[in-house]
N, C-alpha and C. Protein backbone atom coordinates (compact mmCIF):
# COMPACT_ATOMS: atom_id res chain seq x y z
N SER A 1 0.84 -1.19 0.00
CA SER A 1 0.00 0.00 0.00
C SER A 1 0.88 1.25 0.00
N GLN A 2 0.43 2.27 -0.70
CA GLN A 2 1.17 3.53 -0.75
C GLN A 2 0.60 4.55 0.21
N ALA A 3 -0.33 4.13 1.05
CA ALA A 3 -1.00 5.06 1.95
C ALA A 3 -0.03 5.70 2.94
N ASN A 4 1.01 5.00 3.33
CA ASN A 4 1.96 5.53 4.30
C ASN A 4 3.17 6.19 3.64
N GLY A 5 3.15 6.35 2.34
CA GLY A 5 4.29 6.91 1.62
C GLY A 5 4.70 8.29 2.10
N VAL A 6 3.73 9.13 2.44
CA VAL A 6 4.02 10.49 2.91
C VAL A 6 4.77 10.43 4.24
N VAL A 7 4.42 9.48 5.08
CA VAL A 7 5.06 9.34 6.39
C VAL A 7 6.41 8.64 6.26
N GLU A 8 6.50 7.63 5.42
CA GLU A 8 7.70 6.82 5.34
C GLU A 8 8.83 7.47 4.54
N CYS A 9 8.54 8.36 3.64
CA CYS A 9 9.58 8.99 2.81
C CYS A 9 10.64 9.72 3.65
N PRO A 10 10.24 10.58 4.60
CA PRO A 10 11.27 11.22 5.44
C PRO A 10 12.08 10.22 6.25
N HIS A 11 11.44 9.13 6.68
CA HIS A 11 12.18 8.11 7.43
C HIS A 11 13.23 7.45 6.56
N PHE A 12 12.92 7.28 5.29
CA PHE A 12 13.90 6.72 4.36
C PHE A 12 15.12 7.63 4.25
N HIS A 13 14.89 8.94 4.14
CA HIS A 13 16.01 9.89 4.04
C HIS A 13 16.87 9.85 5.30
N VAL A 14 16.24 9.79 6.46
CA VAL A 14 17.00 9.74 7.72
C VAL A 14 17.79 8.43 7.79
N HIS A 15 17.17 7.32 7.47
CA HIS A 15 17.87 6.03 7.50
C HIS A 15 19.04 6.04 6.53
N ASP A 16 18.81 6.49 5.32
CA ASP A 16 19.87 6.53 4.31
C ASP A 16 21.00 7.47 4.73
N ALA A 17 20.65 8.62 5.30
CA ALA A 17 21.67 9.57 5.77
C ALA A 17 22.47 8.97 6.92
N LEU A 18 21.82 8.23 7.80
CA LEU A 18 22.51 7.59 8.91
C LEU A 18 23.50 6.55 8.41
N VAL A 19 23.11 5.77 7.44
CA VAL A 19 24.01 4.78 6.85
C VAL A 19 25.21 5.48 6.23
N LYS A 20 24.99 6.58 5.51
CA LYS A 20 26.08 7.30 4.85
C LYS A 20 26.99 7.99 5.87
N ALA A 21 26.39 8.57 6.93
CA ALA A 21 27.20 9.24 7.95
C ALA A 21 28.08 8.25 8.71
N CYS A 22 27.61 7.03 8.85
CA CYS A 22 28.37 5.98 9.55
C CYS A 22 29.24 5.17 8.60
N GLU A 23 29.19 5.51 7.33
CA GLU A 23 29.93 4.79 6.30
C GLU A 23 29.66 3.30 6.37
N GLY A 24 28.39 2.94 6.65
CA GLY A 24 27.96 1.55 6.66
C GLY A 24 28.23 0.80 7.95
N ASP A 25 28.94 1.39 8.91
CA ASP A 25 29.26 0.73 10.18
C ASP A 25 28.13 0.94 11.18
N GLN A 26 27.29 -0.07 11.37
CA GLN A 26 26.12 0.06 12.24
C GLN A 26 26.48 0.32 13.69
N GLU A 27 27.68 -0.01 14.11
CA GLU A 27 28.09 0.24 15.50
C GLU A 27 28.21 1.73 15.79
N GLN A 28 28.36 2.55 14.77
CA GLN A 28 28.47 4.00 14.96
C GLN A 28 27.12 4.70 15.01
N TRP A 29 26.03 3.98 14.74
CA TRP A 29 24.72 4.60 14.68
C TRP A 29 24.37 5.34 15.95
N VAL A 30 24.68 4.75 17.10
CA VAL A 30 24.33 5.37 18.38
C VAL A 30 24.99 6.73 18.52
N SER A 31 26.23 6.85 18.11
CA SER A 31 26.94 8.12 18.26
C SER A 31 26.59 9.13 17.17
N ARG A 32 26.00 8.70 16.08
CA ARG A 32 25.69 9.60 14.96
C ARG A 32 24.22 9.97 14.83
N VAL A 33 23.33 9.23 15.49
CA VAL A 33 21.90 9.42 15.26
C VAL A 33 21.44 10.83 15.63
N TYR A 34 21.95 11.41 16.71
CA TYR A 34 21.52 12.74 17.11
C TYR A 34 21.91 13.80 16.08
N SER A 35 23.11 13.69 15.55
CA SER A 35 23.55 14.65 14.53
C SER A 35 22.74 14.50 13.25
N VAL A 36 22.43 13.27 12.87
CA VAL A 36 21.63 13.04 11.66
C VAL A 36 20.23 13.60 11.85
N LEU A 37 19.61 13.33 12.99
CA LEU A 37 18.26 13.85 13.25
C LEU A 37 18.26 15.38 13.30
N TRP A 38 19.26 15.96 13.94
CA TRP A 38 19.34 17.43 14.01
C TRP A 38 19.53 18.02 12.61
N ALA A 39 20.44 17.43 11.83
CA ALA A 39 20.66 17.91 10.46
C ALA A 39 19.39 17.80 9.63
N ASP A 40 18.63 16.73 9.84
CA ASP A 40 17.36 16.56 9.12
C ASP A 40 16.36 17.64 9.51
N ARG A 41 16.28 17.96 10.78
CA ARG A 41 15.29 18.94 11.25
C ARG A 41 15.61 20.37 10.84
N ILE A 42 16.89 20.66 10.58
CA ILE A 42 17.25 22.03 10.22
C ILE A 42 17.42 22.22 8.71
N THR A 43 17.23 21.16 7.94
CA THR A 43 17.34 21.24 6.48
C THR A 43 16.03 21.76 5.90
N VAL A 44 16.12 22.76 5.05
CA VAL A 44 14.93 23.38 4.45
C VAL A 44 14.23 22.38 3.54
N ARG A 45 12.91 22.32 3.68
CA ARG A 45 12.07 21.45 2.85
C ARG A 45 11.44 22.27 1.74
N ARG A 46 11.46 21.73 0.55
CA ARG A 46 10.90 22.43 -0.60
C ARG A 46 9.41 22.72 -0.39
N ARG A 47 8.66 21.73 0.06
CA ARG A 47 7.22 21.91 0.23
C ARG A 47 6.87 22.92 1.32
N LEU A 48 7.65 22.93 2.40
CA LEU A 48 7.40 23.87 3.49
C LEU A 48 7.93 25.26 3.16
N GLY A 49 9.04 25.31 2.45
CA GLY A 49 9.70 26.59 2.20
C GLY A 49 10.57 27.02 3.37
N CYS A 50 10.69 26.14 4.36
CA CYS A 50 11.53 26.39 5.53
C CYS A 50 11.88 25.03 6.14
N SER A 51 12.68 25.06 7.19
CA SER A 51 13.02 23.81 7.86
C SER A 51 11.90 23.42 8.82
N PRO A 52 11.78 22.14 9.17
CA PRO A 52 10.79 21.75 10.18
C PRO A 52 11.01 22.47 11.50
N TYR A 53 12.27 22.71 11.85
CA TYR A 53 12.58 23.43 13.09
C TYR A 53 11.95 24.82 13.07
N PHE A 54 12.15 25.53 11.96
CA PHE A 54 11.59 26.88 11.83
C PHE A 54 10.07 26.84 11.81
N ALA A 55 9.49 25.83 11.15
CA ALA A 55 8.03 25.72 11.08
C ALA A 55 7.41 25.55 12.46
N VAL A 56 8.10 24.84 13.34
CA VAL A 56 7.56 24.59 14.69
C VAL A 56 7.82 25.76 15.62
N THR A 57 9.04 26.31 15.60
CA THR A 57 9.42 27.32 16.58
C THR A 57 9.30 28.76 16.08
N GLY A 58 9.36 28.95 14.77
CA GLY A 58 9.33 30.31 14.22
C GLY A 58 10.66 31.02 14.34
N THR A 59 11.69 30.30 14.74
CA THR A 59 13.03 30.87 14.86
C THR A 59 14.04 29.96 14.18
N ASN A 60 15.18 30.53 13.84
CA ASN A 60 16.26 29.71 13.29
C ASN A 60 17.04 29.09 14.44
N PRO A 61 17.58 27.90 14.26
CA PRO A 61 18.33 27.26 15.34
C PRO A 61 19.64 27.99 15.62
N ILE A 62 20.07 27.94 16.86
CA ILE A 62 21.38 28.48 17.22
C ILE A 62 22.39 27.38 16.97
N MET A 63 23.35 27.68 16.14
CA MET A 63 24.32 26.67 15.73
C MET A 63 25.69 27.00 16.31
N PRO A 64 26.50 25.95 16.56
CA PRO A 64 27.87 26.20 17.00
C PRO A 64 28.72 26.81 15.88
N PHE A 65 28.24 26.73 14.67
CA PHE A 65 28.88 27.35 13.52
C PHE A 65 27.79 27.64 12.50
N ASP A 66 28.11 28.41 11.51
CA ASP A 66 27.13 28.72 10.47
C ASP A 66 27.12 27.58 9.46
N ILE A 67 26.06 26.79 9.48
CA ILE A 67 26.01 25.59 8.62
C ILE A 67 26.03 25.96 7.14
N ALA A 68 25.52 27.13 6.80
CA ALA A 68 25.55 27.54 5.39
C ALA A 68 26.99 27.74 4.94
N LYS A 69 27.80 28.39 5.77
CA LYS A 69 29.20 28.58 5.43
C LYS A 69 29.95 27.26 5.50
N ALA A 70 29.64 26.44 6.51
CA ALA A 70 30.33 25.16 6.66
C ALA A 70 30.03 24.23 5.49
N THR A 71 28.82 24.32 4.95
CA THR A 71 28.47 23.49 3.80
C THR A 71 29.38 23.82 2.63
N TYR A 72 29.73 25.08 2.45
CA TYR A 72 30.58 25.46 1.33
C TYR A 72 32.05 25.15 1.59
N LEU A 73 32.41 24.79 2.81
CA LEU A 73 33.77 24.39 3.09
C LEU A 73 34.02 22.95 2.66
N MET A 74 32.95 22.19 2.42
CA MET A 74 33.09 20.82 1.95
C MET A 74 33.42 20.85 0.46
N LEU A 75 33.89 19.73 -0.03
CA LEU A 75 34.18 19.64 -1.45
C LEU A 75 32.90 19.85 -2.26
N VAL A 76 33.03 20.51 -3.36
CA VAL A 76 31.88 20.76 -4.23
C VAL A 76 31.48 19.43 -4.86
N PRO A 77 30.22 19.03 -4.71
CA PRO A 77 29.80 17.76 -5.29
C PRO A 77 29.78 17.83 -6.82
N SER A 78 30.09 16.71 -7.45
CA SER A 78 30.10 16.68 -8.91
C SER A 78 28.70 16.50 -9.49
N THR A 79 27.76 16.05 -8.65
CA THR A 79 26.36 15.88 -9.07
C THR A 79 25.45 16.47 -8.00
N MET A 80 24.17 16.55 -8.32
CA MET A 80 23.19 17.05 -7.36
C MET A 80 23.09 16.06 -6.20
N LEU A 81 23.12 16.58 -4.97
CA LEU A 81 23.03 15.72 -3.79
C LEU A 81 21.58 15.34 -3.52
N SER A 82 21.38 14.10 -3.12
CA SER A 82 20.04 13.70 -2.68
C SER A 82 19.82 14.25 -1.28
N MET A 83 18.59 14.21 -0.81
CA MET A 83 18.29 14.69 0.53
C MET A 83 19.10 13.91 1.57
N ALA A 84 19.20 12.60 1.40
CA ALA A 84 19.94 11.77 2.35
C ALA A 84 21.43 12.14 2.36
N GLU A 85 22.01 12.37 1.18
CA GLU A 85 23.42 12.75 1.11
C GLU A 85 23.66 14.11 1.76
N LEU A 86 22.76 15.06 1.54
CA LEU A 86 22.89 16.38 2.16
C LEU A 86 22.81 16.27 3.68
N ILE A 87 21.84 15.51 4.17
CA ILE A 87 21.70 15.33 5.62
C ILE A 87 22.93 14.65 6.19
N ALA A 88 23.44 13.63 5.51
CA ALA A 88 24.63 12.91 5.99
C ALA A 88 25.83 13.85 6.06
N ARG A 89 26.03 14.67 5.03
CA ARG A 89 27.17 15.60 5.04
C ARG A 89 27.03 16.63 6.17
N ARG A 90 25.82 17.12 6.39
CA ARG A 90 25.62 18.08 7.47
C ARG A 90 25.82 17.42 8.83
N ALA A 91 25.38 16.17 8.97
CA ALA A 91 25.58 15.44 10.23
C ALA A 91 27.06 15.26 10.51
N ILE A 92 27.83 14.93 9.49
CA ILE A 92 29.27 14.77 9.67
C ILE A 92 29.90 16.10 10.07
N ALA A 93 29.45 17.20 9.46
CA ALA A 93 29.97 18.52 9.83
C ALA A 93 29.61 18.86 11.27
N LEU A 94 28.42 18.47 11.72
CA LEU A 94 28.02 18.72 13.11
C LEU A 94 28.85 17.92 14.10
N GLN A 95 29.35 16.77 13.69
CA GLN A 95 30.16 15.92 14.57
C GLN A 95 31.52 16.55 14.86
N LYS A 96 31.97 17.44 13.98
CA LYS A 96 33.33 18.01 14.13
C LYS A 96 33.36 19.13 15.13
């Protein structure tokens, strides 16, 4: 059934991002899950036009660094990043 597709799609992105942030090592999931979830919540959604964090609180999150600037410090991707890849890269940046 596709009835749960709207609910399950974001979970797929989080799961995929967690696998990428851990580089496939499931033992690292416990230490990376908070960063992946945080990166997911602060990533702007096309349909919302803002991040889920902003939609709930009406404010931008206070970050230990400017994630927009930190994103540009990473290597420029050769192709368009999927949502999971973007979340994984931001989670890795948050771990540093």
